[in-house]
Every structure is written in C-alpha cells, then in structure tokens.
C-alpha cells in the first residue's frame, strides 16, 4: 500500500512540517503584518512553531466579493506558494472577521479553482477569530448610507463589494447556496473553529479598554448599540458561531476572563497570541 502526505513522512521517520497562515479581514492589505495584525500578535503566534520561518502573513484585496480573483484567488495563490516553498504538510489557518468567509469559500468550492484541492488537503484546521459567517447588521447600515457609513470607515470600509457581501440577507443566501458549515448544510472538509468576542469595554478608567487602542474601543461601544447584547461591537455572537463549531468565547480562555472586542481580537490582547500559539502544537 502506498502512503502519501504526512502519513508517508511519519512512516519514514520524517516530521511533518507545520505552518500557519494569518488571513486578514475586510480591506486591501499590502502590509498586514504591521497594519492589520501588528508585530506583537504575529510574533506571539510564531512562538508556537517548531520552525519559525513557517509563517505566512497574507496580503490580499478583501474589499472584493469572496470568490473574486483578487480575494480568494489571491489567497489561494499565496497559500499555494507558501505550501510549496516551505514544504508544508500541516497547515493551520488563522482568519479574522471577513477573512473567514474568503477561506470558507475555498473550503466549500474545491472545483472552482484548480489550486483549491491541494490547499484543502494540507489544512488541518481553521481557527476563525470573530468570523462574520452570518454577516453583520452594520454592513446593512453602511450600504444604506446612514450616519454609520462615516463612523464605520476605519473598521468596515465603505460601499465595497465585501461590505455588500456581509449584509445579513446576502450572507444567508451565500450560506444556503454556496458555502458549507452552517446549520442544515454539509460540514466543511476541515475543522472550522470559532473564537467569539462577547462584549466591548470602553470605560476610560478600565485598562482593558486601552488594549489595541482606546479610540477603537469607544467606536465599537457605539456600534454595539446597533447589535444584539452579545457582540464584539461589529459581529454578533450568533454570526461568529454560525459556521463550523465553537472553539471558545473570549471570557473562558483570555487572561483575567477579559472580553475581546472586534479590534482586540486581532491584537496581542489578554493572552490571545499564546492561546493561538499553543494551538499550533496540537
């Protein structure tokens, strides 16, 4: 019997190469290391790798629809090059926000692009931080052109295709027809594990409000008024855990039982990098 992939390596006594890819959310990124994740977050996650060079920070144009060549096509290209150049056999993908939707498109549509099957074959799990799997009412507000179009510019962007895509009704259609992993749909081919932020703290006297930037915490406190009581200021808890399975809600694992607002969940806040780094070893 011929053995393939990681199984063949294990049989030969060769350790499989584990790699991690960080996939950003909405926006066109050219330096996601500094502009989206920041060094403390990336380097904290890198500590979980046996080979620290096996880390990819993705830079793509996620202002587009998830299936667009500038979005999923770009992601597929960068993941393929990473896998081939670093001989990655075990790939863990960490996504944030709308990046989870782009990744889920690839996982759900293996015949859409010839590169997808080889990528899926290498992925052992996706850790989806605050994914907008069922959209967000704030996308509806931005497209409607009300006051939040301006106030959400720093977080969501304006009337881009990615924002249109994340409208609640639109995501319901995509989940029903094109994406896997939500209730009543077939399961995704790899574990898709949700990290859910449940609240926002912005009190000026709270040190928690300053991690990741106080201004952002205040903005998310305002936008939370448009959402259900359980939200990270951008994504409702029900949306963040609409696809795949729940890995954890912030308070259950963060240091001090702190909550993670939508900005903090891509920052080195409350032990999150260590949680993600330790998960790379499993």
C-alpha atoms as a PDB file:
ATOM      1  CA  UNK A   1       0.000   0.000   0.000  1.00  0.00           C
ATOM      2  CA  UNK A   2       1.379   3.412  -0.966  1.00  0.00           C
ATOM      3  CA  UNK A   3       1.408   6.072   1.748  1.00  0.00           C
ATOM      4  CA  UNK A   4       1.005   9.717   0.883  1.00  0.00           C
ATOM      5  CA  UNK A   5       1.430  13.137   2.511  1.00  0.00           C
ATOM      6  CA  UNK A   6       2.034  13.453   6.238  1.00  0.00           C
ATOM      7  CA  UNK A   7       1.349   9.706   6.750  1.00  0.00           C
ATOM      8  CA  UNK A   8       4.214   8.757   4.436  1.00  0.00           C
ATOM      9  CA  UNK A   9       6.538  11.173   6.218  1.00  0.00           C
ATOM     10  CA  UNK A  10       5.602   9.745   9.598  1.00  0.00           C
ATOM     11  CA  UNK A  11       6.230   6.200   8.334  1.00  0.00           C
ATOM     12  CA  UNK A  12       9.657   7.259   7.080  1.00  0.00           C
ATOM     13  CA  UNK A  13      10.502   8.867  10.400  1.00  0.00           C
ATOM     14  CA  UNK A  14      10.364  12.377   8.959  1.00  0.00           C
ATOM     15  CA  UNK A  15       8.485  15.021  10.949  1.00  0.00           C
ATOM     16  CA  UNK A  16       5.734  16.771   9.019  1.00  0.00           C
ATOM     17  CA  UNK A  17       6.316  20.496   8.551  1.00  0.00           C
ATOM     18  CA  UNK A  18       3.671  22.582  10.295  1.00  0.00           C
ATOM     19  CA  UNK A  19       2.911  26.055   9.008  1.00  0.00           C
ATOM     20  CA  UNK A  20       0.492  28.814   9.928  1.00  0.00           C
ATOM     21  CA  UNK A  21      -1.123  31.402   7.679  1.00  0.00           C
ATOM     22  CA  UNK A  22      -2.703  34.586   9.050  1.00  0.00           C
ATOM     23  CA  UNK A  23      -5.619  35.760   6.907  1.00  0.00           C
ATOM     24  CA  UNK A  24      -6.823  39.331   7.454  1.00  0.00           C
ATOM     25  CA  UNK A  25     -10.363  40.665   7.238  1.00  0.00           C
ATOM     26  CA  UNK A  26     -12.071  43.258   5.052  1.00  0.00           C
ATOM     27  CA  UNK A  27      -9.759  45.701   3.308  1.00  0.00           C
ATOM     28  CA  UNK A  28      -6.972  45.805   0.743  1.00  0.00           C
ATOM     29  CA  UNK A  29      -3.784  44.926   2.574  1.00  0.00           C
ATOM     30  CA  UNK A  30      -0.217  45.369   1.386  1.00  0.00           C
ATOM     31  CA  UNK A  31       1.442  45.171   4.830  1.00  0.00           C
ATOM     32  CA  UNK A  32      -0.930  43.197   7.031  1.00  0.00           C
ATOM     33  CA  UNK A  33       1.933  42.315   9.380  1.00  0.00           C
ATOM     34  CA  UNK A  34       2.155  45.921  10.592  1.00  0.00           C
ATOM     35  CA  UNK A  35      -1.159  47.433   9.574  1.00  0.00           C
ATOM     36  CA  UNK A  36      -3.639  44.682  10.404  1.00  0.00           C
ATOM     37  CA  UNK A  37      -2.181  42.254  12.952  1.00  0.00           C
ATOM     38  CA  UNK A  38       0.849  44.161  14.291  1.00  0.00           C
ATOM     39  CA  UNK A  39       4.125  42.591  15.335  1.00  0.00           C
ATOM     40  CA  UNK A  40       3.243  41.585  18.918  1.00  0.00           C
ATOM     41  CA  UNK A  41       0.371  39.453  17.672  1.00  0.00           C
ATOM     42  CA  UNK A  42       2.281  37.848  14.794  1.00  0.00           C
ATOM     43  CA  UNK A  43       5.436  37.149  16.762  1.00  0.00           C
ATOM     44  CA  UNK A  44       3.435  35.778  19.683  1.00  0.00           C
ATOM     45  CA  UNK A  45       1.771  33.273  17.374  1.00  0.00           C
ATOM     46  CA  UNK A  46       5.080  32.416  15.710  1.00  0.00           C
ATOM     47  CA  UNK A  47       6.368  31.080  19.050  1.00  0.00           C
ATOM     48  CA  UNK A  48       4.137  28.043  18.610  1.00  0.00           C
ATOM     49  CA  UNK A  49       6.007  26.833  15.533  1.00  0.00           C
ATOM     50  CA  UNK A  50       8.910  24.382  15.588  1.00  0.00           C
ATOM     51  CA  UNK A  51      10.282  26.260  12.567  1.00  0.00           C
ATOM     52  CA  UNK A  52       9.589  29.995  12.999  1.00  0.00           C
ATOM     53  CA  UNK A  53      10.022  30.549   9.271  1.00  0.00           C
ATOM     54  CA  UNK A  54       6.866  28.555   8.559  1.00  0.00           C
ATOM     55  CA  UNK A  55       4.559  31.542   8.992  1.00  0.00           C
ATOM     56  CA  UNK A  56       2.749  33.446   6.261  1.00  0.00           C
ATOM     57  CA  UNK A  57       1.021  36.792   6.676  1.00  0.00           C
ATOM     58  CA  UNK A  58      -1.416  37.059   3.767  1.00  0.00           C
ATOM     59  CA  UNK A  59      -1.877  40.353   1.879  1.00  0.00           C
ATOM     60  CA  UNK A  60      -4.868  40.415  -0.466  1.00  0.00           C
ATOM     61  CA  UNK A  61      -7.706  42.666  -1.598  1.00  0.00           C
ATOM     62  CA  UNK A  62     -10.607  41.633   0.586  1.00  0.00           C
ATOM     63  CA  UNK A  63     -12.677  44.629  -0.466  1.00  0.00           C
ATOM     64  CA  UNK A  64     -13.945  42.280  -3.185  1.00  0.00           C
ATOM     65  CA  UNK A  65     -16.546  39.511  -3.147  1.00  0.00           C
ATOM     66  CA  UNK A  66     -15.099  36.410  -1.527  1.00  0.00           C
ATOM     67  CA  UNK A  67     -14.856  34.453  -4.794  1.00  0.00           C
ATOM     68  CA  UNK A  68     -13.149  37.292  -6.709  1.00  0.00           C
ATOM     69  CA  UNK A  69      -9.687  36.516  -8.065  1.00  0.00           C
ATOM     70  CA  UNK A  70      -8.334  39.453  -6.048  1.00  0.00           C
ATOM     71  CA  UNK A  71      -9.737  37.844  -2.890  1.00  0.00           C
ATOM     72  CA  UNK A  72      -9.974  34.025  -2.928  1.00  0.00           C
ATOM     73  CA  UNK A  73      -7.724  33.834  -5.971  1.00  0.00           C
ATOM     74  CA  UNK A  74      -5.058  35.901  -4.274  1.00  0.00           C
ATOM     75  CA  UNK A  75      -5.385  33.877  -1.070  1.00  0.00           C
ATOM     76  CA  UNK A  76      -5.120  30.614  -2.999  1.00  0.00           C
ATOM     77  CA  UNK A  77      -2.010  31.845  -4.781  1.00  0.00           C
ATOM     78  CA  UNK A  78      -0.239  32.879  -1.599  1.00  0.00           C
ATOM     79  CA  UNK A  79      -1.176  29.701   0.265  1.00  0.00           C
ATOM     80  CA  UNK A  80      -0.029  27.552  -2.660  1.00  0.00           C
ATOM     81  CA  UNK A  81       3.351  29.289  -2.851  1.00  0.00           C
ATOM     82  CA  UNK A  82       3.774  29.032   0.917  1.00  0.00           C
ATOM     83  CA  UNK A  83       2.973  25.318   0.956  1.00  0.00           C
ATOM     84  CA  UNK A  84       5.338  24.597  -1.919  1.00  0.00           C
ATOM     85  CA  UNK A  85       8.216  26.853  -0.877  1.00  0.00           C
ATOM     86  CA  UNK A  86       8.217  25.732   2.766  1.00  0.00           C
ATOM     87  CA  UNK A  87       7.181  22.097   2.123  1.00  0.00           C
ATOM     88  CA  UNK A  88       4.207  22.490   4.440  1.00  0.00           C
ATOM     89  CA  UNK A  89       2.339  19.276   5.233  1.00  0.00           C
ATOM     90  CA  UNK A  90       0.209  20.551   8.142  1.00  0.00           C
ATOM     91  CA  UNK A  91      -1.306  23.978   7.576  1.00  0.00           C
ATOM     92  CA  UNK A  92      -3.209  25.837  10.270  1.00  0.00           C
ATOM     93  CA  UNK A  93      -5.067  28.886   9.008  1.00  0.00           C
ATOM     94  CA  UNK A  94      -5.949  31.709  11.391  1.00  0.00           C
ATOM     95  CA  UNK A  95      -8.540  34.081   9.991  1.00  0.00           C
ATOM     96  CA  UNK A  96     -10.096  37.261  11.303  1.00  0.00           C
ATOM     97  CA  UNK A  97     -13.538  38.652  10.507  1.00  0.00           C
ATOM     98  CA  UNK A  98     -14.375  38.535   6.768  1.00  0.00           C
ATOM     99  CA  UNK A  99     -11.212  36.533   6.146  1.00  0.00           C
ATOM    100  CA  UNK A 100     -13.160  33.567   7.461  1.00  0.00           C
ATOM    101  CA  UNK A 101     -15.667  33.966   4.632  1.00  0.00           C
ATOM    102  CA  UNK A 102     -12.945  34.016   1.974  1.00  0.00           C
ATOM    103  CA  UNK A 103     -11.362  30.930   3.490  1.00  0.00           C
ATOM    104  CA  UNK A 104     -14.741  29.208   3.727  1.00  0.00           C
ATOM    105  CA  UNK A 105     -15.343  29.905   0.037  1.00  0.00           C
ATOM    106  CA  UNK A 106     -12.194  27.956  -0.829  1.00  0.00           C
ATOM    107  CA  UNK A 107     -13.126  25.102   1.503  1.00  0.00           C
ATOM    108  CA  UNK A 108     -16.681  24.956   0.155  1.00  0.00           C
ATOM    109  CA  UNK A 109     -15.930  25.103  -3.575  1.00  0.00           C
ATOM    110  CA  UNK A 110     -12.982  22.802  -4.364  1.00  0.00           C
ATOM    111  CA  UNK A 111     -13.803  22.622  -8.082  1.00  0.00           C
ATOM    112  CA  UNK A 112     -13.907  26.403  -8.538  1.00  0.00           C
ATOM    113  CA  UNK A 113     -10.118  26.728  -8.810  1.00  0.00           C
ATOM    114  CA  UNK A 114      -7.552  24.054  -9.620  1.00  0.00           C
ATOM    115  CA  UNK A 115      -5.408  25.198  -6.692  1.00  0.00           C
ATOM    116  CA  UNK A 116      -8.074  24.658  -4.051  1.00  0.00           C
ATOM    117  CA  UNK A 117      -7.874  20.840  -3.593  1.00  0.00           C
ATOM    118  CA  UNK A 118      -4.151  20.804  -2.783  1.00  0.00           C
ATOM    119  CA  UNK A 119      -4.654  23.616  -0.263  1.00  0.00           C
ATOM    120  CA  UNK A 120      -7.570  21.837   1.421  1.00  0.00           C
ATOM    121  CA  UNK A 121      -5.536  18.624   1.592  1.00  0.00           C
ATOM    122  CA  UNK A 122      -2.851  20.363   3.683  1.00  0.00           C
ATOM    123  CA  UNK A 123      -5.162  22.214   6.086  1.00  0.00           C
ATOM    124  CA  UNK A 124      -5.640  20.520   9.449  1.00  0.00           C
ATOM    125  CA  UNK A 125      -7.848  23.261  10.943  1.00  0.00           C
ATOM    126  CA  UNK A 126      -9.008  26.831  10.572  1.00  0.00           C
ATOM    127  CA  UNK A 127      -9.080  28.971  13.694  1.00  0.00           C
ATOM    128  CA  UNK A 128     -11.646  31.618  12.764  1.00  0.00           C
ATOM    129  CA  UNK A 129     -11.468  34.653  15.036  1.00  0.00           C
ATOM    130  CA  UNK A 130     -14.674  36.727  15.070  1.00  0.00           C
ATOM    131  CA  UNK A 131     -15.830  35.464  11.656  1.00  0.00           C
ATOM    132  CA  UNK A 132     -18.749  37.281  10.044  1.00  0.00           C
ATOM    133  CA  UNK A 133     -20.240  33.953   8.945  1.00  0.00           C
ATOM    134  CA  UNK A 134     -23.831  35.228   9.044  1.00  0.00           C
ATOM    135  CA  UNK A 135     -22.976  38.820   8.169  1.00  0.00           C
ATOM    136  CA  UNK A 136     -23.489  41.885  10.331  1.00  0.00           C
ATOM    137  CA  UNK A 137     -26.260  44.489  10.552  1.00  0.00           C
ATOM    138  CA  UNK A 138     -23.525  47.124  10.383  1.00  0.00           C
ATOM    139  CA  UNK A 139     -22.890  46.167   6.753  1.00  0.00           C
ATOM    140  CA  UNK A 140     -26.575  46.796   6.054  1.00  0.00           C
ATOM    141  CA  UNK A 141     -26.247  50.172   7.796  1.00  0.00           C
ATOM    142  CA  UNK A 142     -23.181  51.112   5.770  1.00  0.00           C
ATOM    143  CA  UNK A 143     -24.821  50.184   2.454  1.00  0.00           C
ATOM    144  CA  UNK A 144     -27.962  52.089   3.439  1.00  0.00           C
ATOM    145  CA  UNK A 145     -25.790  55.188   3.642  1.00  0.00           C
ATOM    146  CA  UNK A 146     -26.818  56.342   7.096  1.00  0.00           C
ATOM    147  CA  UNK A 147     -24.540  58.006   9.638  1.00  0.00           C
ATOM    148  CA  UNK A 148     -22.610  54.795  10.245  1.00  0.00           C
ATOM    149  CA  UNK A 149     -21.156  54.895   6.756  1.00  0.00           C
ATOM    150  CA  UNK A 150     -18.742  57.523   8.030  1.00  0.00           C
ATOM    151  CA  UNK A 151     -18.189  56.242  11.536  1.00  0.00           C
ATOM    152  CA  UNK A 152     -17.510  52.695  10.332  1.00  0.00           C
ATOM    153  CA  UNK A 153     -14.960  53.663   7.707  1.00  0.00           C
ATOM    154  CA  UNK A 154     -11.971  52.758   9.884  1.00  0.00           C
ATOM    155  CA  UNK A 155     -13.356  49.309  10.674  1.00  0.00           C
ATOM    156  CA  UNK A 156     -15.538  48.112   7.822  1.00  0.00           C
ATOM    157  CA  UNK A 157     -14.797  50.333   4.880  1.00  0.00           C
ATOM    158  CA  UNK A 158     -17.445  51.935   2.737  1.00  0.00           C
ATOM    159  CA  UNK A 159     -19.694  50.602  -0.010  1.00  0.00           C
ATOM    160  CA  UNK A 160     -17.321  47.951  -1.301  1.00  0.00           C
ATOM    161  CA  UNK A 161     -18.349  44.558  -2.621  1.00  0.00           C
ATOM    162  CA  UNK A 162     -17.053  42.955   0.576  1.00  0.00           C
ATOM    163  CA  UNK A 163     -19.350  45.154   2.649  1.00  0.00           C
ATOM    164  CA  UNK A 164     -22.313  44.313   0.394  1.00  0.00           C
ATOM    165  CA  UNK A 165     -21.441  40.644   0.788  1.00  0.00           C
ATOM    166  CA  UNK A 166     -21.591  40.886   4.594  1.00  0.00           C
ATOM    167  CA  UNK A 167     -25.161  42.168   4.688  1.00  0.00           C
ATOM    168  CA  UNK A 168     -27.226  39.756   6.745  1.00  0.00           C
ATOM    169  CA  UNK A 169     -29.619  38.737   3.961  1.00  0.00           C
ATOM    170  CA  UNK A 170     -26.841  38.332   1.442  1.00  0.00           C
ATOM    171  CA  UNK A 171     -24.829  36.066   3.733  1.00  0.00           C
ATOM    172  CA  UNK A 172     -27.936  33.986   4.388  1.00  0.00           C
ATOM    173  CA  UNK A 173     -28.182  33.355   0.638  1.00  0.00           C
ATOM    174  CA  UNK A 174     -24.495  32.537   0.280  1.00  0.00           C
ATOM    175  CA  UNK A 175     -24.666  30.161   3.245  1.00  0.00           C
ATOM    176  CA  UNK A 176     -27.676  28.388   1.773  1.00  0.00           C
ATOM    177  CA  UNK A 177     -26.385  28.077  -1.778  1.00  0.00           C
ATOM    178  CA  UNK A 178     -22.599  28.341  -1.954  1.00  0.00           C
ATOM    179  CA  UNK A 179     -20.974  27.842   1.441  1.00  0.00           C
ATOM    180  CA  UNK A 180     -20.700  24.874   3.781  1.00  0.00           C
ATOM    181  CA  UNK A 181     -20.630  24.611   7.542  1.00  0.00           C
ATOM    182  CA  UNK A 182     -23.777  26.421   8.685  1.00  0.00           C
ATOM    183  CA  UNK A 183     -26.892  24.818  10.164  1.00  0.00           C
ATOM    184  CA  UNK A 184     -28.619  22.485   7.716  1.00  0.00           C
ATOM    185  CA  UNK A 185     -25.687  22.476   5.300  1.00  0.00           C
ATOM    186  CA  UNK A 186     -22.976  19.841   4.783  1.00  0.00           C
ATOM    187  CA  UNK A 187     -19.965  20.131   7.055  1.00  0.00           C
ATOM    188  CA  UNK A 188     -16.761  21.776   5.926  1.00  0.00           C
ATOM    189  CA  UNK A 189     -13.960  19.387   4.894  1.00  0.00           C
ATOM    190  CA  UNK A 190     -11.703  20.559   7.757  1.00  0.00           C
ATOM    191  CA  UNK A 191     -12.432  21.765  11.307  1.00  0.00           C
ATOM    192  CA  UNK A 192     -13.526  25.417  11.289  1.00  0.00           C
ATOM    193  CA  UNK A 193     -13.336  26.580  14.891  1.00  0.00           C
ATOM    194  CA  UNK A 194     -14.844  29.855  16.037  1.00  0.00           C
ATOM    195  CA  UNK A 195     -13.368  32.305  18.524  1.00  0.00           C
ATOM    196  CA  UNK A 196     -16.190  34.570  19.685  1.00  0.00           C
ATOM    197  CA  UNK A 197     -15.924  38.033  21.208  1.00  0.00           C
ATOM    198  CA  UNK A 198     -18.866  38.737  23.504  1.00  0.00           C
ATOM    199  CA  UNK A 199     -18.674  42.374  24.604  1.00  0.00           C
ATOM    200  CA  UNK A 200     -16.910  45.749  24.442  1.00  0.00           C
ATOM    201  CA  UNK A 201     -15.334  47.646  27.338  1.00  0.00           C
ATOM    202  CA  UNK A 202     -14.627  51.328  26.755  1.00  0.00           C
ATOM    203  CA  UNK A 203     -14.735  52.968  30.191  1.00  0.00           C
ATOM    204  CA  UNK A 204     -11.926  55.483  30.459  1.00  0.00           C
ATOM    205  CA  UNK A 205     -10.913  54.079  33.855  1.00  0.00           C
ATOM    206  CA  UNK A 206     -10.650  50.482  32.584  1.00  0.00           C
ATOM    207  CA  UNK A 207      -7.202  49.324  31.475  1.00  0.00           C
ATOM    208  CA  UNK A 208      -8.977  46.719  29.354  1.00  0.00           C
ATOM    209  CA  UNK A 209     -10.314  49.443  27.065  1.00  0.00           C
ATOM    210  CA  UNK A 210      -6.821  50.549  26.039  1.00  0.00           C
ATOM    211  CA  UNK A 211      -5.514  47.275  24.624  1.00  0.00           C
ATOM    212  CA  UNK A 212      -5.472  47.635  20.854  1.00  0.00           C
ATOM    213  CA  UNK A 213      -6.366  51.326  21.033  1.00  0.00           C
ATOM    214  CA  UNK A 214      -8.804  53.254  23.180  1.00  0.00           C
ATOM    215  CA  UNK A 215     -10.379  55.133  20.267  1.00  0.00           C
ATOM    216  CA  UNK A 216     -11.287  51.856  18.584  1.00  0.00           C
ATOM    217  CA  UNK A 217     -12.861  50.560  21.795  1.00  0.00           C
ATOM    218  CA  UNK A 218     -15.017  53.676  22.050  1.00  0.00           C
ATOM    219  CA  UNK A 219     -16.096  53.337  18.417  1.00  0.00           C
ATOM    220  CA  UNK A 220     -17.055  49.710  18.918  1.00  0.00           C
ATOM    221  CA  UNK A 221     -19.004  50.602  22.048  1.00  0.00           C
ATOM    222  CA  UNK A 222     -21.087  52.959  19.901  1.00  0.00           C
ATOM    223  CA  UNK A 223     -21.676  50.469  17.100  1.00  0.00           C
ATOM    224  CA  UNK A 224     -22.596  47.790  19.620  1.00  0.00           C
ATOM    225  CA  UNK A 225     -25.827  49.707  20.218  1.00  0.00           C
ATOM    226  CA  UNK A 226     -26.957  48.510  16.787  1.00  0.00           C
ATOM    227  CA  UNK A 227     -26.270  44.875  17.607  1.00  0.00           C
ATOM    228  CA  UNK A 228     -27.529  42.212  19.984  1.00  0.00           C
ATOM    229  CA  UNK A 229     -26.335  42.246  23.575  1.00  0.00           C
ATOM    230  CA  UNK A 230     -23.761  39.571  22.799  1.00  0.00           C
ATOM    231  CA  UNK A 231     -21.373  41.055  20.256  1.00  0.00           C
ATOM    232  CA  UNK A 232     -17.819  42.341  19.882  1.00  0.00           C
ATOM    233  CA  UNK A 233     -19.030  45.704  18.608  1.00  0.00           C
ATOM    234  CA  UNK A 234     -19.009  44.526  14.987  1.00  0.00           C
ATOM    235  CA  UNK A 235     -20.018  40.865  14.855  1.00  0.00           C
ATOM    236  CA  UNK A 236     -22.892  39.399  16.812  1.00  0.00           C
ATOM    237  CA  UNK A 237     -22.095  36.197  18.678  1.00  0.00           C
ATOM    238  CA  UNK A 238     -24.688  34.324  16.633  1.00  0.00           C
ATOM    239  CA  UNK A 239     -22.884  35.282  13.420  1.00  0.00           C
ATOM    240  CA  UNK A 240     -19.429  34.485  14.779  1.00  0.00           C
ATOM    241  CA  UNK A 241     -20.510  30.936  15.606  1.00  0.00           C
ATOM    242  CA  UNK A 242     -22.841  30.361  12.654  1.00  0.00           C
ATOM    243  CA  UNK A 243     -20.352  28.194  10.730  1.00  0.00           C
ATOM    244  CA  UNK A 244     -18.246  25.309  11.931  1.00  0.00           C
ATOM    245  CA  UNK A 245     -18.019  24.741  15.670  1.00  0.00           C
ATOM    246  CA  UNK A 246     -17.424  26.940  18.684  1.00  0.00           C
ATOM    247  CA  UNK A 247     -13.830  26.778  19.930  1.00  0.00           C
ATOM    248  CA  UNK A 248     -14.237  29.300  22.747  1.00  0.00           C
ATOM    249  CA  UNK A 249     -15.907  32.506  23.826  1.00  0.00           C
ATOM    250  CA  UNK A 250     -13.425  35.117  24.963  1.00  0.00           C
ATOM    251  CA  UNK A 251     -14.001  35.076  28.749  1.00  0.00           C
ATOM    252  CA  UNK A 252     -13.477  31.328  29.010  1.00  0.00           C
ATOM    253  CA  UNK A 253      -9.818  31.453  27.946  1.00  0.00           C
ATOM    254  CA  UNK A 254      -8.458  35.002  27.989  1.00  0.00           C
ATOM    255  CA  UNK A 255      -6.227  36.141  30.817  1.00  0.00           C
ATOM    256  CA  UNK A 256      -8.336  37.597  33.593  1.00  0.00           C
ATOM    257  CA  UNK A 257     -11.516  36.466  31.816  1.00  0.00           C
ATOM    258  CA  UNK A 258     -11.461  39.600  29.668  1.00  0.00           C
ATOM    259  CA  UNK A 259     -13.707  40.173  26.673  1.00  0.00           C
ATOM    260  CA  UNK A 260     -12.315  40.711  23.174  1.00  0.00           C
ATOM    261  CA  UNK A 261     -13.833  43.451  21.062  1.00  0.00           C
ATOM    262  CA  UNK A 262     -13.508  43.161  17.298  1.00  0.00           C
ATOM    263  CA  UNK A 263     -10.306  45.164  17.164  1.00  0.00           C
ATOM    264  CA  UNK A 264      -8.722  43.440  20.151  1.00  0.00           C
ATOM    265  CA  UNK A 265      -9.258  40.014  18.601  1.00  0.00           C
ATOM    266  CA  UNK A 266      -6.565  40.814  16.028  1.00  0.00           C
ATOM    267  CA  UNK A 267      -4.198  42.274  18.601  1.00  0.00           C
ATOM    268  CA  UNK A 268      -1.932  40.891  21.333  1.00  0.00           C
ATOM    269  CA  UNK A 269      -4.598  41.347  23.996  1.00  0.00           C
ATOM    270  CA  UNK A 270      -5.299  39.271  27.113  1.00  0.00           C
ATOM    271  CA  UNK A 271      -3.134  36.287  26.211  1.00  0.00           C
ATOM    272  CA  UNK A 272      -4.671  35.652  22.776  1.00  0.00           C
ATOM    273  CA  UNK A 273      -1.324  35.142  20.958  1.00  0.00           C
ATOM    274  CA  UNK A 274      -0.328  32.465  23.481  1.00  0.00           C
ATOM    275  CA  UNK A 275      -3.670  30.699  23.092  1.00  0.00           C
ATOM    276  CA  UNK A 276      -3.205  30.585  19.326  1.00  0.00           C
ATOM    277  CA  UNK A 277       0.485  29.638  19.565  1.00  0.00           C
ATOM    278  CA  UNK A 278      -0.258  26.720  21.875  1.00  0.00           C
ATOM    279  CA  UNK A 279      -2.941  25.534  19.481  1.00  0.00           C
ATOM    280  CA  UNK A 280      -0.342  25.173  16.710  1.00  0.00           C
ATOM    281  CA  UNK A 281       1.298  22.395  18.692  1.00  0.00           C
ATOM    282  CA  UNK A 282      -1.822  20.236  18.822  1.00  0.00           C
END
